[in-house]
Amino acid sequence: VNFLGSAVGARAASFKWIMGVAAVGILCGAVMSNGMMDVAR
């Protein structure tokens, strides 16, 4: 809901398009997330 709420509530696009955009964002963010791993270490 943190990253889907605004787009879904505003009907910025169809739900499938919104999910697709969010999925690509999650994939890119996961690949670039190495800097936060030290918290668990």
PDB file of all heavy atoms in Angstrom:
ATOM      1  N   VAL A   1       0.826  -1.211   0.000  1.00  0.00           N
ATOM      2  CA  VAL A   1       0.000   0.000   0.000  1.00  0.00           C
ATOM      3  C   VAL A   1       0.860   1.260   0.000  1.00  0.00           C
ATOM      4  O   VAL A   1       0.450   2.314  -0.474  1.00  0.00           O
ATOM      5  CB  VAL A   1      -0.965  -0.012   1.211  1.00  0.00           C
ATOM      6  CG1 VAL A   1      -0.170   0.108   2.514  1.00  0.00           C
ATOM      7  CG2 VAL A   1      -1.981   1.112   1.113  1.00  0.00           C
ATOM      8  N   ASN A   2       2.092   1.164   0.502  1.00  0.00           N
ATOM      9  CA  ASN A   2       2.959   2.329   0.579  1.00  0.00           C
ATOM     10  C   ASN A   2       3.311   2.885  -0.799  1.00  0.00           C
ATOM     11  O   ASN A   2       3.523   4.087  -0.957  1.00  0.00           O
ATOM     12  CB  ASN A   2       4.260   1.987   1.316  1.00  0.00           C
ATOM     13  CG  ASN A   2       4.017   1.634   2.764  1.00  0.00           C
ATOM     14  OD1 ASN A   2       2.954   1.902   3.305  1.00  0.00           O
ATOM     15  ND2 ASN A   2       4.989   1.005   3.390  1.00  0.00           N
ATOM     16  N   PHE A   3       3.432   2.005  -1.791  1.00  0.00           N
ATOM     17  CA  PHE A   3       3.806   2.498  -3.120  1.00  0.00           C
ATOM     18  C   PHE A   3       2.730   2.284  -4.181  1.00  0.00           C
ATOM     19  O   PHE A   3       2.880   2.741  -5.306  1.00  0.00           O
ATOM     20  CB  PHE A   3       5.131   1.850  -3.586  1.00  0.00           C
ATOM     21  CG  PHE A   3       5.167   0.350  -3.507  1.00  0.00           C
ATOM     22  CD1 PHE A   3       4.710  -0.419  -4.550  1.00  0.00           C
ATOM     23  CD2 PHE A   3       5.691  -0.277  -2.388  1.00  0.00           C
ATOM     24  CE1 PHE A   3       4.755  -1.802  -4.487  1.00  0.00           C
ATOM     25  CE2 PHE A   3       5.748  -1.666  -2.314  1.00  0.00           C
ATOM     26  CZ  PHE A   3       5.276  -2.432  -3.373  1.00  0.00           C
ATOM     27  N   LEU A   4       1.646   1.611  -3.829  1.00  0.00           N
ATOM     28  CA  LEU A   4       0.550   1.417  -4.781  1.00  0.00           C
ATOM     29  C   LEU A   4      -0.647   2.322  -4.504  1.00  0.00           C
ATOM     30  O   LEU A   4      -1.440   2.598  -5.408  1.00  0.00           O
ATOM     31  CB  LEU A   4       0.084  -0.042  -4.765  1.00  0.00           C
ATOM     32  CG  LEU A   4       1.037  -1.096  -5.332  1.00  0.00           C
ATOM     33  CD1 LEU A   4       0.443  -2.486  -5.143  1.00  0.00           C
ATOM     34  CD2 LEU A   4       1.316  -0.830  -6.796  1.00  0.00           C
ATOM     35  N   GLY A   5      -0.781   2.791  -3.263  1.00  0.00           N
ATOM     36  CA  GLY A   5      -1.990   3.514  -2.863  1.00  0.00           C
ATOM     37  C   GLY A   5      -2.283   4.744  -3.698  1.00  0.00           C
ATOM     38  O   GLY A   5      -3.417   4.954  -4.146  1.00  0.00           O
ATOM     39  N   SER A   6      -1.280   5.574  -3.933  1.00  0.00           N
ATOM     40  CA  SER A   6      -1.497   6.828  -4.663  1.00  0.00           C
ATOM     41  C   SER A   6      -1.930   6.575  -6.098  1.00  0.00           C
ATOM     42  O   SER A   6      -2.890   7.175  -6.592  1.00  0.00           O
ATOM     43  CB  SER A   6      -0.218   7.674  -4.647  1.00  0.00           C
ATOM     44  OG  SER A   6       0.134   8.022  -3.335  1.00  0.00           O
ATOM     45  N   ALA A   7      -1.218   5.688  -6.793  1.00  0.00           N
ATOM     46  CA  ALA A   7      -1.521   5.430  -8.201  1.00  0.00           C
ATOM     47  C   ALA A   7      -2.882   4.760  -8.369  1.00  0.00           C
ATOM     48  O   ALA A   7      -3.655   5.111  -9.269  1.00  0.00           O
ATOM     49  CB  ALA A   7      -0.425   4.569  -8.819  1.00  0.00           C
ATOM     50  N   VAL A   8      -3.186   3.803  -7.495  1.00  0.00           N
ATOM     51  CA  VAL A   8      -4.481   3.115  -7.584  1.00  0.00           C
ATOM     52  C   VAL A   8      -5.610   4.073  -7.225  1.00  0.00           C
ATOM     53  O   VAL A   8      -6.643   4.132  -7.906  1.00  0.00           O
ATOM     54  CB  VAL A   8      -4.496   1.875  -6.663  1.00  0.00           C
ATOM     55  CG1 VAL A   8      -5.888   1.258  -6.625  1.00  0.00           C
ATOM     56  CG2 VAL A   8      -3.482   0.853  -7.149  1.00  0.00           C
ATOM     57  N   GLY A   9      -5.429   4.853  -6.156  1.00  0.00           N
ATOM     58  CA  GLY A   9      -6.466   5.788  -5.736  1.00  0.00           C
ATOM     59  C   GLY A   9      -6.722   6.879  -6.762  1.00  0.00           C
ATOM     60  O   GLY A   9      -7.868   7.317  -6.951  1.00  0.00           O
ATOM     61  N   ALA A  10      -5.677   7.341  -7.439  1.00  0.00           N
ATOM     62  CA  ALA A  10      -5.825   8.391  -8.453  1.00  0.00           C
ATOM     63  C   ALA A  10      -6.212   7.841  -9.814  1.00  0.00           C
ATOM     64  O   ALA A  10      -6.438   8.617 -10.751  1.00  0.00           O
ATOM     65  CB  ALA A  10      -4.509   9.167  -8.578  1.00  0.00           C
ATOM     66  N   ARG A  11      -6.249   6.521  -9.934  1.00  0.00           N
ATOM     67  CA  ARG A  11      -6.549   5.875 -11.222  1.00  0.00           C
ATOM     68  C   ARG A  11      -5.628   6.399 -12.321  1.00  0.00           C
ATOM     69  O   ARG A  11      -6.053   6.758 -13.420  1.00  0.00           O
ATOM     70  CB  ARG A  11      -8.010   6.088 -11.610  1.00  0.00           C
ATOM     71  CG  ARG A  11      -8.989   5.466 -10.628  1.00  0.00           C
ATOM     72  CD  ARG A  11     -10.428   5.656 -11.045  1.00  0.00           C
ATOM     73  NE  ARG A  11     -11.343   5.073 -10.078  1.00  0.00           N
ATOM     74  CZ  ARG A  11     -12.674   5.127 -10.185  1.00  0.00           C
ATOM     75  NH1 ARG A  11     -13.214   5.761 -11.220  1.00  0.00           N
ATOM     76  NH2 ARG A  11     -13.433   4.578  -9.264  1.00  0.00           N
ATOM     77  N   ALA A  12      -4.332   6.414 -12.013  1.00  0.00           N
ATOM     78  CA  ALA A  12      -3.348   6.925 -12.967  1.00  0.00           C
ATOM     79  C   ALA A  12      -3.236   6.029 -14.193  1.00  0.00           C
ATOM     80  O   ALA A  12      -2.833   6.488 -15.269  1.00  0.00           O
ATOM     81  CB  ALA A  12      -1.987   7.042 -12.290  1.00  0.00           C
ATOM     82  N   ALA A  13      -3.571   4.757 -14.058  1.00  0.00           N
ATOM     83  CA  ALA A  13      -3.551   3.809 -15.171  1.00  0.00           C
ATOM     84  C   ALA A  13      -4.344   2.588 -14.730  1.00  0.00           C
ATOM     85  O   ALA A  13      -4.901   2.554 -13.625  1.00  0.00           O
ATOM     86  CB  ALA A  13      -2.113   3.433 -15.532  1.00  0.00           C
ATOM     87  N   SER A  14      -4.427   1.597 -15.612  1.00  0.00           N
ATOM     88  CA  SER A  14      -5.098   0.366 -15.231  1.00  0.00           C
ATOM     89  C   SER A  14      -4.295  -0.341 -14.146  1.00  0.00           C
ATOM     90  O   SER A  14      -3.097  -0.108 -13.987  1.00  0.00           O
ATOM     91  CB  SER A  14      -5.249  -0.553 -16.446  1.00  0.00           C
ATOM     92  OG  SER A  14      -3.979  -1.002 -16.893  1.00  0.00           O
ATOM     93  N   PHE A  15      -4.958  -1.195 -13.412  1.00  0.00           N
ATOM     94  CA  PHE A  15      -4.298  -1.869 -12.292  1.00  0.00           C
ATOM     95  C   PHE A  15      -3.116  -2.704 -12.761  1.00  0.00           C
ATOM     96  O   PHE A  15      -2.074  -2.767 -12.095  1.00  0.00           O
ATOM     97  CB  PHE A  15      -5.314  -2.755 -11.555  1.00  0.00           C
ATOM     98  CG  PHE A  15      -4.766  -3.377 -10.300  1.00  0.00           C
ATOM     99  CD1 PHE A  15      -4.553  -2.605  -9.170  1.00  0.00           C
ATOM    100  CD2 PHE A  15      -4.447  -4.727 -10.256  1.00  0.00           C
ATOM    101  CE1 PHE A  15      -4.043  -3.171  -8.006  1.00  0.00           C
ATOM    102  CE2 PHE A  15      -3.950  -5.299  -9.102  1.00  0.00           C
ATOM    103  CZ  PHE A  15      -3.742  -4.519  -7.975  1.00  0.00           C
ATOM    104  N   LYS A  16      -3.232  -3.340 -13.921  1.00  0.00           N
ATOM    105  CA  LYS A  16      -2.135  -4.150 -14.444  1.00  0.00           C
ATOM    106  C   LYS A  16      -0.908  -3.286 -14.756  1.00  0.00           C
ATOM    107  O   LYS A  16       0.228  -3.677 -14.488  1.00  0.00           O
ATOM    108  CB  LYS A  16      -2.592  -4.911 -15.694  1.00  0.00           C
ATOM    109  CG  LYS A  16      -3.598  -6.013 -15.408  1.00  0.00           C
ATOM    110  CD  LYS A  16      -3.954  -6.772 -16.672  1.00  0.00           C
ATOM    111  CE  LYS A  16      -4.945  -7.902 -16.380  1.00  0.00           C
ATOM    112  NZ  LYS A  16      -5.312  -8.653 -17.612  1.00  0.00           N
ATOM    113  N   TRP A  17      -1.151  -2.092 -15.332  1.00  0.00           N
ATOM    114  CA  TRP A  17      -0.037  -1.195 -15.634  1.00  0.00           C
ATOM    115  C   TRP A  17       0.640  -0.716 -14.350  1.00  0.00           C
ATOM    116  O   TRP A  17       1.865  -0.645 -14.262  1.00  0.00           O
ATOM    117  CB  TRP A  17      -0.534  -0.001 -16.452  1.00  0.00           C
ATOM    118  CG  TRP A  17      -0.444  -0.211 -17.932  1.00  0.00           C
ATOM    119  CD1 TRP A  17      -1.439  -0.587 -18.771  1.00  0.00           C
ATOM    120  CD2 TRP A  17       0.734  -0.079 -18.733  1.00  0.00           C
ATOM    121  NE1 TRP A  17      -0.975  -0.697 -20.056  1.00  0.00           N
ATOM    122  CE2 TRP A  17       0.361  -0.383 -20.063  1.00  0.00           C
ATOM    123  CE3 TRP A  17       2.053   0.270 -18.474  1.00  0.00           C
ATOM    124  CZ2 TRP A  17       1.280  -0.348 -21.119  1.00  0.00           C
ATOM    125  CZ3 TRP A  17       2.963   0.306 -19.514  1.00  0.00           C
ATOM    126  CH2 TRP A  17       2.576   0.004 -20.822  1.00  0.00           C
ATOM    127  N   ILE A  18      -0.169  -0.382 -13.361  1.00  0.00           N
ATOM    128  CA  ILE A  18       0.397   0.074 -12.085  1.00  0.00           C
ATOM    129  C   ILE A  18       1.227  -1.032 -11.441  1.00  0.00           C
ATOM    130  O   ILE A  18       2.338  -0.794 -10.943  1.00  0.00           O
ATOM    131  CB  ILE A  18      -0.728   0.531 -11.134  1.00  0.00           C
ATOM    132  CG1 ILE A  18      -1.431   1.766 -11.709  1.00  0.00           C
ATOM    133  CG2 ILE A  18      -0.183   0.835  -9.745  1.00  0.00           C
ATOM    134  CD1 ILE A  18      -2.666   2.182 -10.940  1.00  0.00           C
ATOM    135  N   MET A  19       0.705  -2.258 -11.447  1.00  0.00           N
ATOM    136  CA  MET A  19       1.446  -3.379 -10.883  1.00  0.00           C
ATOM    137  C   MET A  19       2.741  -3.634 -11.651  1.00  0.00           C
ATOM    138  O   MET A  19       3.780  -3.974 -11.065  1.00  0.00           O
ATOM    139  CB  MET A  19       0.576  -4.639 -10.893  1.00  0.00           C
ATOM    140  CG  MET A  19      -0.564  -4.608  -9.891  1.00  0.00           C
ATOM    141  SD  MET A  19       0.018  -4.586  -8.185  1.00  0.00           S
ATOM    142  CE  MET A  19       0.709  -6.222  -8.062  1.00  0.00           C
ATOM    143  N   GLY A  20       2.688  -3.472 -12.971  1.00  0.00           N
ATOM    144  CA  GLY A  20       3.884  -3.662 -13.780  1.00  0.00           C
ATOM    145  C   GLY A  20       4.960  -2.635 -13.463  1.00  0.00           C
ATOM    146  O   GLY A  20       6.145  -2.969 -13.324  1.00  0.00           O
ATOM    147  N   VAL A  21       4.545  -1.366 -13.342  1.00  0.00           N
ATOM    148  CA  VAL A  21       5.496  -0.300 -13.000  1.00  0.00           C
ATOM    149  C   VAL A  21       6.104  -0.542 -11.628  1.00  0.00           C
ATOM    150  O   VAL A  21       7.323  -0.410 -11.424  1.00  0.00           O
ATOM    151  CB  VAL A  21       4.785   1.074 -13.051  1.00  0.00           C
ATOM    152  CG1 VAL A  21       5.672   2.165 -12.461  1.00  0.00           C
ATOM    153  CG2 VAL A  21       4.416   1.429 -14.482  1.00  0.00           C
ATOM    154  N   ALA A  22       5.256  -0.926 -10.668  1.00  0.00           N
ATOM    155  CA  ALA A  22       5.753  -1.193  -9.311  1.00  0.00           C
ATOM    156  C   ALA A  22       6.694  -2.398  -9.288  1.00  0.00           C
ATOM    157  O   ALA A  22       7.700  -2.395  -8.567  1.00  0.00           O
ATOM    158  CB  ALA A  22       4.579  -1.424  -8.361  1.00  0.00           C
ATOM    159  N   ALA A  23       6.378  -3.414 -10.091  1.00  0.00           N
ATOM    160  CA  ALA A  23       7.222  -4.618 -10.131  1.00  0.00           C
ATOM    161  C   ALA A  23       8.614  -4.293 -10.659  1.00  0.00           C
ATOM    162  O   ALA A  23       9.627  -4.759 -10.121  1.00  0.00           O
ATOM    163  CB  ALA A  23       6.562  -5.691 -10.994  1.00  0.00           C
ATOM    164  N   VAL A  24       8.668  -3.479 -11.713  1.00  0.00           N
ATOM    165  CA  VAL A  24       9.973  -3.081 -12.253  1.00  0.00           C
ATOM    166  C   VAL A  24      10.736  -2.251 -11.224  1.00  0.00           C
ATOM    167  O   VAL A  24      11.953  -2.405 -11.055  1.00  0.00           O
ATOM    168  CB  VAL A  24       9.788  -2.283 -13.562  1.00  0.00           C
ATOM    169  CG1 VAL A  24      11.125  -1.737 -14.053  1.00  0.00           C
ATOM    170  CG2 VAL A  24       9.161  -3.154 -14.634  1.00  0.00           C
ATOM    171  N   GLY A  25      10.021  -1.381 -10.512  1.00  0.00           N
ATOM    172  CA  GLY A  25      10.662  -0.578  -9.475  1.00  0.00           C
ATOM    173  C   GLY A  25      11.224  -1.434  -8.352  1.00  0.00           C
ATOM    174  O   GLY A  25      12.344  -1.182  -7.870  1.00  0.00           O
ATOM    175  N   ILE A  26      10.480  -2.451  -7.930  1.00  0.00           N
ATOM    176  CA  ILE A  26      10.954  -3.345  -6.875  1.00  0.00           C
ATOM    177  C   ILE A  26      12.198  -4.101  -7.330  1.00  0.00           C
ATOM    178  O   ILE A  26      13.171  -4.252  -6.571  1.00  0.00           O
ATOM    179  CB  ILE A  26       9.841  -4.324  -6.466  1.00  0.00           C
ATOM    180  CG1 ILE A  26       8.754  -3.585  -5.676  1.00  0.00           C
ATOM    181  CG2 ILE A  26      10.398  -5.471  -5.646  1.00  0.00           C
ATOM    182  CD1 ILE A  26       7.591  -4.452  -5.282  1.00  0.00           C
ATOM    183  N   LEU A  27      12.185  -4.576  -8.572  1.00  0.00           N
ATOM    184  CA  LEU A  27      13.335  -5.312  -9.094  1.00  0.00           C
ATOM    185  C   LEU A  27      14.581  -4.429  -9.123  1.00  0.00           C
ATOM    186  O   LEU A  27      15.664  -4.840  -8.683  1.00  0.00           O
ATOM    187  CB  LEU A  27      13.027  -5.843 -10.489  1.00  0.00           C
ATOM    188  CG  LEU A  27      14.139  -6.635 -11.172  1.00  0.00           C
ATOM    189  CD1 LEU A  27      14.505  -7.858 -10.351  1.00  0.00           C
ATOM    190  CD2 LEU A  27      13.734  -7.041 -12.578  1.00  0.00           C
ATOM    191  N   CYS A  28      14.432  -3.210  -9.625  1.00  0.00           N
ATOM    192  CA  CYS A  28      15.571  -2.283  -9.683  1.00  0.00           C
ATOM    193  C   CYS A  28      16.044  -1.917  -8.279  1.00  0.00           C
ATOM    194  O   CYS A  28      17.254  -1.857  -8.014  1.00  0.00           O
ATOM    195  CB  CYS A  28      15.176  -1.019 -10.444  1.00  0.00           C
ATOM    196  SG  CYS A  28      14.812  -1.278 -12.189  1.00  0.00           S
ATOM    197  N   GLY A  29      15.109  -1.683  -7.364  1.00  0.00           N
ATOM    198  CA  GLY A  29      15.483  -1.324  -6.004  1.00  0.00           C
ATOM    199  C   GLY A  29      16.189  -2.451  -5.283  1.00  0.00           C
ATOM    200  O   GLY A  29      17.129  -2.212  -4.520  1.00  0.00           O
ATOM    201  N   ALA A  30      15.754  -3.690  -5.525  1.00  0.00           N
ATOM    202  CA  ALA A  30      16.398  -4.833  -4.885  1.00  0.00           C
ATOM    203  C   ALA A  30      17.844  -4.978  -5.344  1.00  0.00           C
ATOM    204  O   ALA A  30      18.747  -5.257  -4.547  1.00  0.00           O
ATOM    205  CB  ALA A  30      15.619  -6.114  -5.193  1.00  0.00           C
ATOM    206  N   VAL A  31      18.071  -4.763  -6.629  1.00  0.00           N
ATOM    207  CA  VAL A  31      19.424  -4.878  -7.171  1.00  0.00           C
ATOM    208  C   VAL A  31      20.343  -3.811  -6.580  1.00  0.00           C
ATOM    209  O   VAL A  31      21.546  -4.028  -6.410  1.00  0.00           O
ATOM    210  CB  VAL A  31      19.380  -4.771  -8.712  1.00  0.00           C
ATOM    211  CG1 VAL A  31      20.774  -4.657  -9.295  1.00  0.00           C
ATOM    212  CG2 VAL A  31      18.667  -5.984  -9.304  1.00  0.00           C
ATOM    213  N   MET A  32      19.779  -2.650  -6.223  1.00  0.00           N
ATOM    214  CA  MET A  32      20.589  -1.537  -5.730  1.00  0.00           C
ATOM    215  C   MET A  32      20.576  -1.411  -4.211  1.00  0.00           C
ATOM    216  O   MET A  32      20.935  -0.379  -3.660  1.00  0.00           O
ATOM    217  CB  MET A  32      20.091  -0.218  -6.341  1.00  0.00           C
ATOM    218  CG  MET A  32      20.195  -0.156  -7.854  1.00  0.00           C
ATOM    219  SD  MET A  32      19.890   1.490  -8.537  1.00  0.00           S
ATOM    220  CE  MET A  32      18.243   1.836  -7.949  1.00  0.00           C
ATOM    221  N   SER A  33      20.181  -2.458  -3.494  1.00  0.00           N
ATOM    222  CA  SER A  33      19.935  -2.327  -2.056  1.00  0.00           C
ATOM    223  C   SER A  33      21.090  -2.785  -1.180  1.00  0.00           C
ATOM    224  O   SER A  33      20.937  -2.899   0.026  1.00  0.00           O
ATOM    225  CB  SER A  33      18.689  -3.133  -1.668  1.00  0.00           C
ATOM    226  OG  SER A  33      18.941  -4.513  -1.805  1.00  0.00           O
ATOM    227  N   ASN A  34      22.242  -3.032  -1.749  1.00  0.00           N
ATOM    228  CA  ASN A  34      23.344  -3.619  -0.989  1.00  0.00           C
ATOM    229  C   ASN A  34      23.761  -2.764   0.205  1.00  0.00           C
ATOM    230  O   ASN A  34      24.214  -3.277   1.219  1.00  0.00           O
ATOM    231  CB  ASN A  34      24.543  -3.839  -1.910  1.00  0.00           C
ATOM    232  CG  ASN A  34      25.674  -4.578  -1.238  1.00  0.00           C
ATOM    233  OD1 ASN A  34      25.500  -5.680  -0.764  1.00  0.00           O
ATOM    234  ND2 ASN A  34      26.838  -3.950  -1.178  1.00  0.00           N
ATOM    235  N   GLY A  35      23.637  -1.449   0.108  1.00  0.00           N
ATOM    236  CA  GLY A  35      24.128  -0.563   1.158  1.00  0.00           C
ATOM    237  C   GLY A  35      23.433  -0.708   2.493  1.00  0.00           C
ATOM    238  O   GLY A  35      23.992  -0.324   3.523  1.00  0.00           O
ATOM    239  N   MET A  36      22.201  -1.266   2.516  1.00  0.00           N
ATOM    240  CA  MET A  36      21.458  -1.389   3.768  1.00  0.00           C
ATOM    241  C   MET A  36      21.730  -2.698   4.495  1.00  0.00           C
ATOM    242  O   MET A  36      21.296  -2.882   5.629  1.00  0.00           O
ATOM    243  CB  MET A  36      19.951  -1.275   3.477  1.00  0.00           C
ATOM    244  CG  MET A  36      19.509   0.074   2.940  1.00  0.00           C
ATOM    245  SD  MET A  36      19.798   1.417   4.091  1.00  0.00           S
ATOM    246  CE  MET A  36      18.701   0.941   5.424  1.00  0.00           C
ATOM    247  N   MET A  37      22.455  -3.629   3.875  1.00  0.00           N
ATOM    248  CA  MET A  37      22.633  -4.963   4.453  1.00  0.00           C
ATOM    249  C   MET A  37      23.461  -4.948   5.739  1.00  0.00           C
ATOM    250  O   MET A  37      23.401  -5.897   6.525  1.00  0.00           O
ATOM    251  CB  MET A  37      23.283  -5.901   3.426  1.00  0.00           C
ATOM    252  CG  MET A  37      22.390  -6.203   2.240  1.00  0.00           C
ATOM    253  SD  MET A  37      20.857  -7.031   2.743  1.00  0.00           S
ATOM    254  CE  MET A  37      19.924  -6.992   1.207  1.00  0.00           C
ATOM    255  N   ASP A  38      24.230  -3.890   5.956  1.00  0.00           N
ATOM    256  CA  ASP A  38      25.072  -3.835   7.152  1.00  0.00           C
ATOM    257  C   ASP A  38      24.258  -3.762   8.434  1.00  0.00           C
ATOM    258  O   ASP A  38      24.763  -4.098   9.511  1.00  0.00           O
ATOM    259  CB  ASP A  38      26.010  -2.625   7.082  1.00  0.00           C
ATOM    260  CG  ASP A  38      27.109  -2.807   6.047  1.00  0.00           C
ATOM    261  OD1 ASP A  38      27.401  -3.964   5.704  1.00  0.00           O
ATOM    262  OD2 ASP A  38      27.662  -1.801   5.567  1.00  0.00           O
ATOM    263  N   VAL A  39      22.996  -3.325   8.349  1.00  0.00           N
ATOM    264  CA  VAL A  39      22.156  -3.232   9.543  1.00  0.00           C
ATOM    265  C   VAL A  39      21.982  -4.601  10.187  1.00  0.00           C
ATOM    266  O   VAL A  39      22.053  -4.742  11.417  1.00  0.00           O
ATOM    267  CB  VAL A  39      20.779  -2.628   9.188  1.00  0.00           C
ATOM    268  CG1 VAL A  39      19.852  -2.658  10.394  1.00  0.00           C
ATOM    269  CG2 VAL A  39      20.937  -1.197   8.695  1.00  0.00           C
ATOM    270  N   ALA A  40      21.775  -5.632   9.369  1.00  0.00           N
ATOM    271  CA  ALA A  40      21.579  -6.979   9.903  1.00  0.00           C
ATOM    272  C   ALA A  40      22.890  -7.627  10.331  1.00  0.00           C
ATOM    273  O   ALA A  40      22.892  -8.565  11.130  1.00  0.00           O
ATOM    274  CB  ALA A  40      20.884  -7.866   8.856  1.00  0.00           C
ATOM    275  N   ARG A  41      24.019  -7.134   9.834  1.00  0.00           N
ATOM    276  CA  ARG A  41      25.317  -7.739  10.130  1.00  0.00           C
ATOM    277  C   ARG A  41      25.908  -7.229  11.440  1.00  0.00           C
ATOM    278  O   ARG A  41      26.355  -8.015  12.276  1.00  0.00           O
ATOM    279  CB  ARG A  41      26.295  -7.474   8.975  1.00  0.00           C
ATOM    280  CG  ARG A  41      25.932  -8.194   7.693  1.00  0.00           C
ATOM    281  CD  ARG A  41      26.727  -7.651   6.518  1.00  0.00           C
ATOM    282  NE  ARG A  41      28.157  -7.818   6.691  1.00  0.00           N
ATOM    283  CZ  ARG A  41      28.845  -8.897   6.304  1.00  0.00           C
ATOM    284  NH1 ARG A  41      28.207  -9.903   5.731  1.00  0.00           N
ATOM    285  NH2 ARG A  41      30.156  -8.977   6.478  1.00  0.00           N
TER     286      ARG A  41
END
